Amino acid sequence: MKGLLLMAAIALGACAHQVAYVPGTRIPYSASNKSVLDACEEYRLAVERGDVDALMLMAHKQYWEDSGTPTGSDDYGIEGLRNVLMSRLPKASDIRYSIHVCAKV
């Protein structure tokens, strides 16, 4: 009888639901969660490398920057973004960009 109870307990324990997490995080695994984290990592690496082409591929065609100022003289769109990245990124050296991902509980 004890052996039967032990076997039943082991069998039930083996069926317990285990949550899979995206590797290196405490975020429940799903294809969409993994995809978002992969995109964030691609962005982070492109910034560290100063890869203007990769960053431009990630930018939306309707990108618009208003610089948070009331005047429109400093606003720019997607081509302005390219100009900003091409002029500023080469001036930076040894860029370190870290992203901390937290799962909302």
PDB file of N, CA and C in Angstrom:
ATOM      1  N   MET A   1       0.830  -1.200   0.000  1.00  0.00           N
ATOM      2  CA  MET A   1       0.000   0.000   0.000  1.00  0.00           C
ATOM      3  C   MET A   1       0.875   1.264   0.000  1.00  0.00           C
ATOM      4  N   LYS A   2       1.927   1.276   0.867  1.00  0.00           N
ATOM      5  CA  LYS A   2       2.818   2.438   0.923  1.00  0.00           C
ATOM      6  C   LYS A   2       3.489   2.647  -0.424  1.00  0.00           C
ATOM      7  N   GLY A   3       3.872   1.561  -1.070  1.00  0.00           N
ATOM      8  CA  GLY A   3       4.511   1.654  -2.380  1.00  0.00           C
ATOM      9  C   GLY A   3       3.572   2.252  -3.413  1.00  0.00           C
ATOM     10  N   LEU A   4       2.318   1.889  -3.345  1.00  0.00           N
ATOM     11  CA  LEU A   4       1.329   2.411  -4.281  1.00  0.00           C
ATOM     12  C   LEU A   4       1.123   3.907  -4.063  1.00  0.00           C
ATOM     13  N   LEU A   5       1.060   4.336  -2.802  1.00  0.00           N
ATOM     14  CA  LEU A   5       0.914   5.762  -2.496  1.00  0.00           C
ATOM     15  C   LEU A   5       2.134   6.542  -2.957  1.00  0.00           C
ATOM     16  N   LEU A   6       3.319   5.962  -2.754  1.00  0.00           N
ATOM     17  CA  LEU A   6       4.551   6.622  -3.185  1.00  0.00           C
ATOM     18  C   LEU A   6       4.564   6.771  -4.700  1.00  0.00           C
ATOM     19  N   MET A   7       4.182   5.752  -5.431  1.00  0.00           N
ATOM     20  CA  MET A   7       4.134   5.808  -6.888  1.00  0.00           C
ATOM     21  C   MET A   7       3.122   6.859  -7.361  1.00  0.00           C
ATOM     22  N   ALA A   8       1.974   6.943  -6.698  1.00  0.00           N
ATOM     23  CA  ALA A   8       0.947   7.928  -7.064  1.00  0.00           C
ATOM     24  C   ALA A   8       1.469   9.339  -6.810  1.00  0.00           C
ATOM     25  N   ALA A   9       2.171   9.545  -5.701  1.00  0.00           N
ATOM     26  CA  ALA A   9       2.722  10.866  -5.386  1.00  0.00           C
ATOM     27  C   ALA A   9       3.777  11.268  -6.412  1.00  0.00           C
ATOM     28  N   ILE A  10       4.622  10.335  -6.816  1.00  0.00           N
ATOM     29  CA  ILE A  10       5.649  10.626  -7.819  1.00  0.00           C
ATOM     30  C   ILE A  10       4.995  10.955  -9.156  1.00  0.00           C
ATOM     31  N   ALA A  11       3.987  10.199  -9.533  1.00  0.00           N
ATOM     32  CA  ALA A  11       3.295  10.428 -10.801  1.00  0.00           C
ATOM     33  C   ALA A  11       2.614  11.791 -10.811  1.00  0.00           C
ATOM     34  N   LEU A  12       1.967  12.159  -9.716  1.00  0.00           N
ATOM     35  CA  LEU A  12       1.312  13.463  -9.644  1.00  0.00           C
ATOM     36  C   LEU A  12       2.339  14.586  -9.660  1.00  0.00           C
ATOM     37  N   GLY A  13       3.444  14.396  -8.989  1.00  0.00           N
ATOM     38  CA  GLY A  13       4.505  15.405  -8.982  1.00  0.00           C
ATOM     39  C   GLY A  13       5.091  15.611 -10.366  1.00  0.00           C
ATOM     40  N   ALA A  14       5.208  14.546 -11.119  1.00  0.00           N
ATOM     41  CA  ALA A  14       5.757  14.640 -12.474  1.00  0.00           C
ATOM     42  C   ALA A  14       4.823  15.394 -13.397  1.00  0.00           C
ATOM     43  N   CYS A  15       3.545  15.432 -13.083  1.00  0.00           N
ATOM     44  CA  CYS A  15       2.579  16.134 -13.917  1.00  0.00           C
ATOM     45  C   CYS A  15       2.408  17.589 -13.513  1.00  0.00           C
ATOM     46  N   ALA A  16       3.056  18.007 -12.440  1.00  0.00           N
ATOM     47  CA  ALA A  16       2.915  19.393 -11.977  1.00  0.00           C
ATOM     48  C   ALA A  16       3.351  20.348 -13.079  1.00  0.00           C
ATOM     49  N   HIS A  17       2.602  21.415 -13.242  1.00  0.00           N
ATOM     50  CA  HIS A  17       2.881  22.411 -14.284  1.00  0.00           C
ATOM     51  C   HIS A  17       4.130  23.202 -13.915  1.00  0.00           C
ATOM     52  N   GLN A  18       5.106  23.208 -14.813  1.00  0.00           N
ATOM     53  CA  GLN A  18       6.314  23.995 -14.603  1.00  0.00           C
ATOM     54  C   GLN A  18       6.319  25.115 -15.622  1.00  0.00           C
ATOM     55  N   VAL A  19       6.567  26.316 -15.132  1.00  0.00           N
ATOM     56  CA  VAL A  19       6.594  27.481 -16.009  1.00  0.00           C
ATOM     57  C   VAL A  19       7.957  27.564 -16.667  1.00  0.00           C
ATOM     58  N   ALA A  20       7.967  27.684 -17.973  1.00  0.00           N
ATOM     59  CA  ALA A  20       9.214  27.875 -18.711  1.00  0.00           C
ATOM     60  C   ALA A  20       9.437  29.374 -18.844  1.00  0.00           C
ATOM     61  N   TYR A  21      10.673  29.791 -18.680  1.00  0.00           N
ATOM     62  CA  TYR A  21      11.015  31.203 -18.775  1.00  0.00           C
ATOM     63  C   TYR A  21      11.904  31.456 -19.978  1.00  0.00           C
ATOM     64  N   VAL A  22      11.840  32.681 -20.489  1.00  0.00           N
ATOM     65  CA  VAL A  22      12.768  33.088 -21.534  1.00  0.00           C
ATOM     66  C   VAL A  22      14.153  32.990 -20.915  1.00  0.00           C
ATOM     67  N   PRO A  23      15.105  32.334 -21.580  1.00  0.00           N
ATOM     68  CA  PRO A  23      16.436  32.147 -20.999  1.00  0.00           C
ATOM     69  C   PRO A  23      17.049  33.456 -20.495  1.00  0.00           C
ATOM     70  N   GLY A  24      17.564  33.407 -19.275  1.00  0.00           N
ATOM     71  CA  GLY A  24      18.214  34.557 -18.659  1.00  0.00           C
ATOM     72  C   GLY A  24      17.257  35.550 -18.026  1.00  0.00           C
ATOM     73  N   THR A  25      15.950  35.215 -17.991  1.00  0.00           N
ATOM     74  CA  THR A  25      14.962  36.136 -17.416  1.00  0.00           C
ATOM     75  C   THR A  25      13.999  35.371 -16.515  1.00  0.00           C
ATOM     76  N   ARG A  26      13.101  36.109 -15.924  1.00  0.00           N
ATOM     77  CA  ARG A  26      11.993  35.513 -15.180  1.00  0.00           C
ATOM     78  C   ARG A  26      10.683  35.806 -15.907  1.00  0.00           C
ATOM     79  N   ILE A  27      10.782  35.965 -17.208  1.00  0.00           N
ATOM     80  CA  ILE A  27       9.612  36.248 -18.038  1.00  0.00           C
ATOM     81  C   ILE A  27       9.096  34.933 -18.595  1.00  0.00           C
ATOM     82  N   PRO A  28       7.806  34.642 -18.388  1.00  0.00           N
ATOM     83  CA  PRO A  28       7.250  33.392 -18.918  1.00  0.00           C
ATOM     84  C   PRO A  28       7.498  33.286 -20.421  1.00  0.00           C
ATOM     85  N   TYR A  29       7.903  32.116 -20.843  1.00  0.00           N
ATOM     86  CA  TYR A  29       8.216  31.916 -22.253  1.00  0.00           C
ATOM     87  C   TYR A  29       6.956  31.926 -23.102  1.00  0.00           C
ATOM     88  N   SER A  30       7.010  32.706 -24.147  1.00  0.00           N
ATOM     89  CA  SER A  30       6.048  32.652 -25.249  1.00  0.00           C
ATOM     90  C   SER A  30       6.808  33.153 -26.460  1.00  0.00           C
ATOM     91  N   ALA A  31       6.345  32.801 -27.611  1.00  0.00           N
ATOM     92  CA  ALA A  31       7.028  33.238 -28.828  1.00  0.00           C
ATOM     93  C   ALA A  31       7.046  34.757 -28.918  1.00  0.00           C
ATOM     94  N   SER A  32       5.953  35.405 -28.522  1.00  0.00           N
ATOM     95  CA  SER A  32       5.909  36.869 -28.617  1.00  0.00           C
ATOM     96  C   SER A  32       6.833  37.523 -27.588  1.00  0.00           C
ATOM     97  N   ASN A  33       6.896  36.996 -26.352  1.00  0.00           N
ATOM     98  CA  ASN A  33       7.824  37.539 -25.350  1.00  0.00           C
ATOM     99  C   ASN A  33       9.267  37.390 -25.822  1.00  0.00           C
ATOM    100  N   LYS A  34       9.597  36.231 -26.353  1.00  0.00           N
ATOM    101  CA  LYS A  34      10.955  35.991 -26.844  1.00  0.00           C
ATOM    102  C   LYS A  34      11.275  36.923 -27.998  1.00  0.00           C
ATOM    103  N   SER A  35      10.320  37.134 -28.888  1.00  0.00           N
ATOM    104  CA  SER A  35      10.522  38.010 -30.037  1.00  0.00           C
ATOM    105  C   SER A  35      10.806  39.453 -29.597  1.00  0.00           C
ATOM    106  N   VAL A  36      10.062  39.942 -28.623  1.00  0.00           N
ATOM    107  CA  VAL A  36      10.276  41.306 -28.124  1.00  0.00           C
ATOM    108  C   VAL A  36      11.660  41.426 -27.498  1.00  0.00           C
ATOM    109  N   LEU A  37      12.038  40.455 -26.687  1.00  0.00           N
ATOM    110  CA  LEU A  37      13.358  40.499 -26.045  1.00  0.00           C
ATOM    111  C   LEU A  37      14.481  40.394 -27.069  1.00  0.00           C
ATOM    112  N   ASP A  38      14.293  39.576 -28.096  1.00  0.00           N
ATOM    113  CA  ASP A  38      15.301  39.470 -29.161  1.00  0.00           C
ATOM    114  C   ASP A  38      15.458  40.802 -29.887  1.00  0.00           C
ATOM    115  N   ALA A  39      14.337  41.489 -30.150  1.00  0.00           N
ATOM    116  CA  ALA A  39      14.399  42.792 -30.823  1.00  0.00           C
ATOM    117  C   ALA A  39      15.108  43.820 -29.954  1.00  0.00           C
ATOM    118  N   CYS A  40      14.841  43.797 -28.658  1.00  0.00           N
ATOM    119  CA  CYS A  40      15.534  44.716 -27.741  1.00  0.00           C
ATOM    120  C   CYS A  40      17.034  44.460 -27.751  1.00  0.00           C
ATOM    121  N   GLU A  41      17.425  43.197 -27.782  1.00  0.00           N
ATOM    122  CA  GLU A  41      18.847  42.857 -27.809  1.00  0.00           C
ATOM    123  C   GLU A  41      19.486  43.276 -29.131  1.00  0.00           C
ATOM    124  N   GLU A  42      18.788  43.100 -30.238  1.00  0.00           N
ATOM    125  CA  GLU A  42      19.310  43.564 -31.535  1.00  0.00           C
ATOM    126  C   GLU A  42      19.534  45.073 -31.505  1.00  0.00           C
ATOM    127  N   TYR A  43      18.592  45.807 -30.927  1.00  0.00           N
ATOM    128  CA  TYR A  43      18.703  47.263 -30.827  1.00  0.00           C
ATOM    129  C   TYR A  43      19.902  47.642 -29.954  1.00  0.00           C
ATOM    130  N   ARG A  44      20.020  47.007 -28.806  1.00  0.00           N
ATOM    131  CA  ARG A  44      21.119  47.297 -27.882  1.00  0.00           C
ATOM    132  C   ARG A  44      22.468  47.091 -28.567  1.00  0.00           C
ATOM    133  N   LEU A  45      22.613  45.974 -29.259  1.00  0.00           N
ATOM    134  CA  LEU A  45      23.872  45.680 -29.943  1.00  0.00           C
ATOM    135  C   LEU A  45      24.152  46.675 -31.065  1.00  0.00           C
ATOM    136  N   ALA A  46      23.119  47.069 -31.801  1.00  0.00           N
ATOM    137  CA  ALA A  46      23.305  48.052 -32.878  1.00  0.00           C
ATOM    138  C   ALA A  46      23.770  49.389 -32.314  1.00  0.00           C
ATOM    139  N   VAL A  47      23.218  49.796 -31.175  1.00  0.00           N
ATOM    140  CA  VAL A  47      23.650  51.046 -30.538  1.00  0.00           C
ATOM    141  C   VAL A  47      25.107  50.930 -30.107  1.00  0.00           C
ATOM    142  N   GLU A  48      25.462  49.827 -29.470  1.00  0.00           N
ATOM    143  CA  GLU A  48      26.851  49.657 -29.018  1.00  0.00           C
ATOM    144  C   GLU A  48      27.836  49.649 -30.183  1.00  0.00           C
ATOM    145  N   ARG A  49      27.442  49.059 -31.293  1.00  0.00           N
ATOM    146  CA  ARG A  49      28.315  49.009 -32.473  1.00  0.00           C
ATOM    147  C   ARG A  49      28.309  50.319 -33.260  1.00  0.00           C
ATOM    148  N   GLY A  50      27.330  51.179 -32.972  1.00  0.00           N
ATOM    149  CA  GLY A  50      27.178  52.399 -33.754  1.00  0.00           C
ATOM    150  C   GLY A  50      26.734  52.094 -35.172  1.00  0.00           C
ATOM    151  N   ASP A  51      25.915  51.072 -35.318  1.00  0.00           N
ATOM    152  CA  ASP A  51      25.476  50.575 -36.622  1.00  0.00           C
ATOM    153  C   ASP A  51      24.260  51.362 -37.119  1.00  0.00           C
ATOM    154  N   VAL A  52      24.522  52.449 -37.831  1.00  0.00           N
ATOM    155  CA  VAL A  52      23.462  53.329 -38.325  1.00  0.00           C
ATOM    156  C   VAL A  52      22.492  52.571 -39.227  1.00  0.00           C
ATOM    157  N   ASP A  53      23.003  51.743 -40.119  1.00  0.00           N
ATOM    158  CA  ASP A  53      22.122  51.014 -41.043  1.00  0.00           C
ATOM    159  C   ASP A  53      21.151  50.105 -40.294  1.00  0.00           C
ATOM    160  N   ALA A  54      21.650  49.382 -39.304  1.00  0.00           N
ATOM    161  CA  ALA A  54      20.780  48.493 -38.527  1.00  0.00           C
ATOM    162  C   ALA A  54      19.736  49.303 -37.754  1.00  0.00           C
ATOM    163  N   LEU A  55      20.145  50.420 -37.175  1.00  0.00           N
ATOM    164  CA  LEU A  55      19.204  51.262 -36.431  1.00  0.00           C
ATOM    165  C   LEU A  55      18.140  51.849 -37.357  1.00  0.00           C
ATOM    166  N   MET A  56      18.532  52.237 -38.556  1.00  0.00           N
ATOM    167  CA  MET A  56      17.569  52.784 -39.506  1.00  0.00           C
ATOM    168  C   MET A  56      16.559  51.727 -39.956  1.00  0.00           C
ATOM    169  N   LEU A  57      16.995  50.483 -40.051  1.00  0.00           N
ATOM    170  CA  LEU A  57      16.059  49.407 -40.403  1.00  0.00           C
ATOM    171  C   LEU A  57      15.023  49.182 -39.307  1.00  0.00           C
ATOM    172  N   MET A  58      15.374  49.525 -38.083  1.00  0.00           N
ATOM    173  CA  MET A  58      14.459  49.355 -36.955  1.00  0.00           C
ATOM    174  C   MET A  58      13.507  50.540 -36.791  1.00  0.00           C
ATOM    175  N   ALA A  59      13.850  51.679 -37.372  1.00  0.00           N
ATOM    176  CA  ALA A  59      13.028  52.885 -37.224  1.00  0.00           C
ATOM    177  C   ALA A  59      11.821  52.819 -38.150  1.00  0.00           C
ATOM    178  N   HIS A  60      10.717  53.331 -37.678  1.00  0.00           N
ATOM    179  CA  HIS A  60       9.493  53.378 -38.479  1.00  0.00           C
ATOM    180  C   HIS A  60       9.638  54.439 -39.558  1.00  0.00           C
ATOM    181  N   LYS A  61       9.071  54.180 -40.704  1.00  0.00           N
ATOM    182  CA  LYS A  61       9.151  55.114 -41.840  1.00  0.00           C
ATOM    183  C   LYS A  61       8.545  56.477 -41.510  1.00  0.00           C
ATOM    184  N   GLN A  62       7.610  56.506 -40.560  1.00  0.00           N
ATOM    185  CA  GLN A  62       6.973  57.760 -40.156  1.00  0.00           C
ATOM    186  C   GLN A  62       7.594  58.338 -38.882  1.00  0.00           C
ATOM    187  N   TYR A  63       8.824  57.924 -38.558  1.00  0.00           N
ATOM    188  CA  TYR A  63       9.516  58.441 -37.377  1.00  0.00           C
ATOM    189  C   TYR A  63       9.471  59.965 -37.375  1.00  0.00           C
ATOM    190  N   TRP A  64       9.232  60.549 -36.202  1.00  0.00           N
ATOM    191  CA  TRP A  64       9.209  61.996 -36.079  1.00  0.00           C
ATOM    192  C   TRP A  64       9.752  62.395 -34.713  1.00  0.00           C
ATOM    193  N   GLU A  65      10.673  63.318 -34.705  1.00  0.00           N
ATOM    194  CA  GLU A  65      11.274  63.819 -33.472  1.00  0.00           C
ATOM    195  C   GLU A  65      10.929  65.292 -33.356  1.00  0.00           C
ATOM    196  N   ASP A  66      10.300  65.656 -32.220  1.00  0.00           N
ATOM    197  CA  ASP A  66       9.965  67.074 -32.030  1.00  0.00           C
ATOM    198  C   ASP A  66      10.820  67.707 -30.938  1.00  0.00           C
ATOM    199  N   SER A  67      11.727  66.953 -30.372  1.00  0.00           N
ATOM    200  CA  SER A  67      12.678  67.420 -29.356  1.00  0.00           C
ATOM    201  C   SER A  67      12.010  68.013 -28.120  1.00  0.00           C
ATOM    202  N   GLY A  68      10.717  67.907 -28.032  1.00  0.00           N
ATOM    203  CA  GLY A  68      10.013  68.394 -26.852  1.00  0.00           C
ATOM    204  C   GLY A  68      10.021  69.909 -26.709  1.00  0.00           C
ATOM    205  N   THR A  69      10.261  70.599 -27.806  1.00  0.00           N
ATOM    206  CA  THR A  69      10.301  72.058 -27.759  1.00  0.00           C
ATOM    207  C   THR A  69       9.079  72.628 -28.467  1.00  0.00           C
ATOM    208  N   PRO A  70       8.663  73.842 -28.095  1.00  0.00           N
ATOM    209  CA  PRO A  70       7.466  74.426 -28.722  1.00  0.00           C
ATOM    210  C   PRO A  70       7.690  74.878 -30.165  1.00  0.00           C
ATOM    211  N   THR A  71       8.919  75.135 -30.538  1.00  0.00           N
ATOM    212  CA  THR A  71       9.203  75.572 -31.902  1.00  0.00           C
ATOM    213  C   THR A  71       9.446  74.351 -32.786  1.00  0.00           C
ATOM    214  N   GLY A  72       9.094  74.453 -34.038  1.00  0.00           N
ATOM    215  CA  GLY A  72       9.274  73.333 -34.955  1.00  0.00           C
ATOM    216  C   GLY A  72      10.594  73.359 -35.693  1.00  0.00           C
ATOM    217  N   SER A  73      11.439  74.327 -35.377  1.00  0.00           N
ATOM    218  CA  SER A  73      12.687  74.479 -36.131  1.00  0.00           C
ATOM    219  C   SER A  73      13.673  73.337 -35.905  1.00  0.00           C
ATOM    220  N   ASP A  74      13.508  72.600 -34.810  1.00  0.00           N
ATOM    221  CA  ASP A  74      14.439  71.505 -34.528  1.00  0.00           C
ATOM    222  C   ASP A  74      13.794  70.132 -34.737  1.00  0.00           C
ATOM    223  N   ASP A  75      12.636  70.099 -35.358  1.00  0.00           N
ATOM    224  CA  ASP A  75      11.939  68.829 -35.615  1.00  0.00           C
ATOM    225  C   ASP A  75      12.539  68.147 -36.843  1.00  0.00           C
ATOM    226  N   TYR A  76      12.463  66.814 -36.879  1.00  0.00           N
ATOM    227  CA  TYR A  76      12.931  66.083 -38.051  1.00  0.00           C
ATOM    228  C   TYR A  76      12.272  64.719 -38.136  1.00  0.00           C
ATOM    229  N   GLY A  77      12.281  64.177 -39.338  1.00  0.00           N
ATOM    230  CA  GLY A  77      11.694  62.870 -39.613  1.00  0.00           C
ATOM    231  C   GLY A  77      12.767  61.819 -39.825  1.00  0.00           C
ATOM    232  N   ILE A  78      12.428  60.800 -40.602  1.00  0.00           N
ATOM    233  CA  ILE A  78      13.295  59.630 -40.774  1.00  0.00           C
ATOM    234  C   ILE A  78      14.648  59.990 -41.389  1.00  0.00           C
ATOM    235  N   GLU A  79      14.669  60.875 -42.372  1.00  0.00           N
ATOM    236  CA  GLU A  79      15.964  61.252 -42.965  1.00  0.00           C
ATOM    237  C   GLU A  79      16.784  62.093 -42.001  1.00  0.00           C
ATOM    238  N   GLY A  80      16.110  62.908 -41.204  1.00  0.00           N
ATOM    239  CA  GLY A  80      16.814  63.663 -40.168  1.00  0.00           C
ATOM    240  C   GLY A  80      17.430  62.734 -39.135  1.00  0.00           C
ATOM    241  N   LEU A  81      16.713  61.649 -38.826  1.00  0.00           N
ATOM    242  CA  LEU A  81      17.258  60.659 -37.897  1.00  0.00           C
ATOM    243  C   LEU A  81      18.542  60.062 -38.458  1.00  0.00           C
ATOM    244  N   ARG A  82      18.523  59.725 -39.731  1.00  0.00           N
ATOM    245  CA  ARG A  82      19.733  59.181 -40.365  1.00  0.00           C
ATOM    246  C   ARG A  82      20.887  60.176 -40.231  1.00  0.00           C
ATOM    247  N   ASN A  83      20.626  61.450 -40.499  1.00  0.00           N
ATOM    248  CA  ASN A  83      21.666  62.471 -40.397  1.00  0.00           C
ATOM    249  C   ASN A  83      22.197  62.597 -38.972  1.00  0.00           C
ATOM    250  N   VAL A  84      21.294  62.578 -38.004  1.00  0.00           N
ATOM    251  CA  VAL A  84      21.706  62.673 -36.601  1.00  0.00           C
ATOM    252  C   VAL A  84      22.579  61.474 -36.223  1.00  0.00           C
ATOM    253  N   LEU A  85      22.131  60.278 -36.587  1.00  0.00           N
ATOM    254  CA  LEU A  85      22.896  59.078 -36.246  1.00  0.00           C
ATOM    255  C   LEU A  85      24.265  59.081 -36.935  1.00  0.00           C
ATOM    256  N   MET A  86      24.277  59.462 -38.208  1.00  0.00           N
ATOM    257  CA  MET A  86      25.538  59.449 -38.957  1.00  0.00           C
ATOM    258  C   MET A  86      26.518  60.514 -38.450  1.00  0.00           C
ATOM    259  N   SER A  87      26.002  61.602 -37.918  1.00  0.00           N
ATOM    260  CA  SER A  87      26.903  62.653 -37.447  1.00  0.00           C
ATOM    261  C   SER A  87      27.311  62.463 -35.986  1.00  0.00           C
ATOM    262  N   ARG A  88      26.462  61.855 -35.177  1.00  0.00           N
ATOM    263  CA  ARG A  88      26.764  61.758 -33.743  1.00  0.00           C
ATOM    264  C   ARG A  88      27.392  60.430 -33.321  1.00  0.00           C
ATOM    265  N   LEU A  89      26.919  59.330 -33.879  1.00  0.00           N
ATOM    266  CA  LEU A  89      27.449  58.029 -33.442  1.00  0.00           C
ATOM    267  C   LEU A  89      28.956  57.875 -33.674  1.00  0.00           C
ATOM    268  N   PRO A  90      29.499  58.342 -34.796  1.00  0.00           N
ATOM    269  CA  PRO A  90      30.948  58.194 -34.992  1.00  0.00           C
ATOM    270  C   PRO A  90      31.783  58.969 -33.962  1.00  0.00           C
ATOM    271  N   LYS A  91      31.187  59.966 -33.346  1.00  0.00           N
ATOM    272  CA  LYS A  91      31.906  60.754 -32.341  1.00  0.00           C
ATOM    273  C   LYS A  91      31.969  60.040 -30.993  1.00  0.00           C
ATOM    274  N   ALA A  92      31.099  59.069 -30.799  1.00  0.00           N
ATOM    275  CA  ALA A  92      31.068  58.328 -29.533  1.00  0.00           C
ATOM    276  C   ALA A  92      32.081  57.196 -29.582  1.00  0.00           C
ATOM    277  N   SER A  93      32.674  56.924 -28.432  1.00  0.00           N
ATOM    278  CA  SER A  93      33.594  55.790 -28.369  1.00  0.00           C
ATOM    279  C   SER A  93      33.228  54.923 -27.177  1.00  0.00           C
ATOM    280  N   ASP A  94      33.385  53.631 -27.364  1.00  0.00           N
ATOM    281  CA  ASP A  94      33.152  52.673 -26.282  1.00  0.00           C
ATOM    282  C   ASP A  94      31.763  52.809 -25.663  1.00  0.00           C
ATOM    283  N   ILE A  95      30.743  52.703 -26.493  1.00  0.00           N
ATOM    284  CA  ILE A  95      29.367  52.797 -26.004  1.00  0.00           C
ATOM    285  C   ILE A  95      29.012  51.517 -25.250  1.00  0.00           C
ATOM    286  N   ARG A  96      28.446  51.680 -24.080  1.00  0.00           N
ATOM    287  CA  ARG A  96      27.909  50.560 -23.293  1.00  0.00           C
ATOM    288  C   ARG A  96      26.438  50.849 -23.058  1.00  0.00           C
ATOM    289  N   TYR A  97      25.606  49.939 -23.452  1.00  0.00           N
ATOM    290  CA  TYR A  97      24.167  50.124 -23.341  1.00  0.00           C
ATOM    291  C   TYR A  97      23.608  48.873 -22.687  1.00  0.00           C
ATOM    292  N   SER A  98      22.993  49.033 -21.534  1.00  0.00           N
ATOM    293  CA  SER A  98      22.419  47.856 -20.881  1.00  0.00           C
ATOM    294  C   SER A  98      20.914  48.058 -20.743  1.00  0.00           C
ATOM    295  N   ILE A  99      20.221  46.959 -20.877  1.00  0.00           N
ATOM    296  CA  ILE A  99      18.770  46.946 -20.748  1.00  0.00           C
ATOM    297  C   ILE A  99      18.435  45.936 -19.656  1.00  0.00           C
ATOM    298  N   HIS A 100      17.688  46.378 -18.675  1.00  0.00           N
ATOM    299  CA  HIS A 100      17.269  45.489 -17.596  1.00  0.00           C
ATOM    300  C   HIS A 100      15.794  45.151 -17.809  1.00  0.00           C
ATOM    301  N   VAL A 101      15.517  43.888 -17.960  1.00  0.00           N
ATOM    302  CA  VAL A 101      14.167  43.426 -18.250  1.00  0.00           C
ATOM    303  C   VAL A 101      13.563  42.853 -16.988  1.00  0.00           C
ATOM    304  N   CYS A 102      12.390  43.324 -16.656  1.00  0.00           N
ATOM    305  CA  CYS A 102      11.689  42.843 -15.449  1.00  0.00           C
ATOM    306  C   CYS A 102      10.323  42.312 -15.860  1.00  0.00           C
ATOM    307  N   ALA A 103       9.909  41.282 -15.190  1.00  0.00           N
ATOM    308  CA  ALA A 103       8.574  40.741 -15.441  1.00  0.00           C
ATOM    309  C   ALA A 103       7.627  41.348 -14.426  1.00  0.00           C
ATOM    310  N   LYS A 104       6.527  41.890 -14.905  1.00  0.00           N
ATOM    311  CA  LYS A 104       5.529  42.448 -14.010  1.00  0.00           C
ATOM    312  C   LYS A 104       4.776  41.284 -13.369  1.00  0.00           C
ATOM    313  N   VAL A 105       4.718  41.318 -12.079  1.00  0.00           N
ATOM    314  CA  VAL A 105       4.065  40.222 -11.344  1.00  0.00           C
ATOM    315  C   VAL A 105       2.671  40.576 -11.004  1.00  0.00           C
TER     316      VAL A 105
END
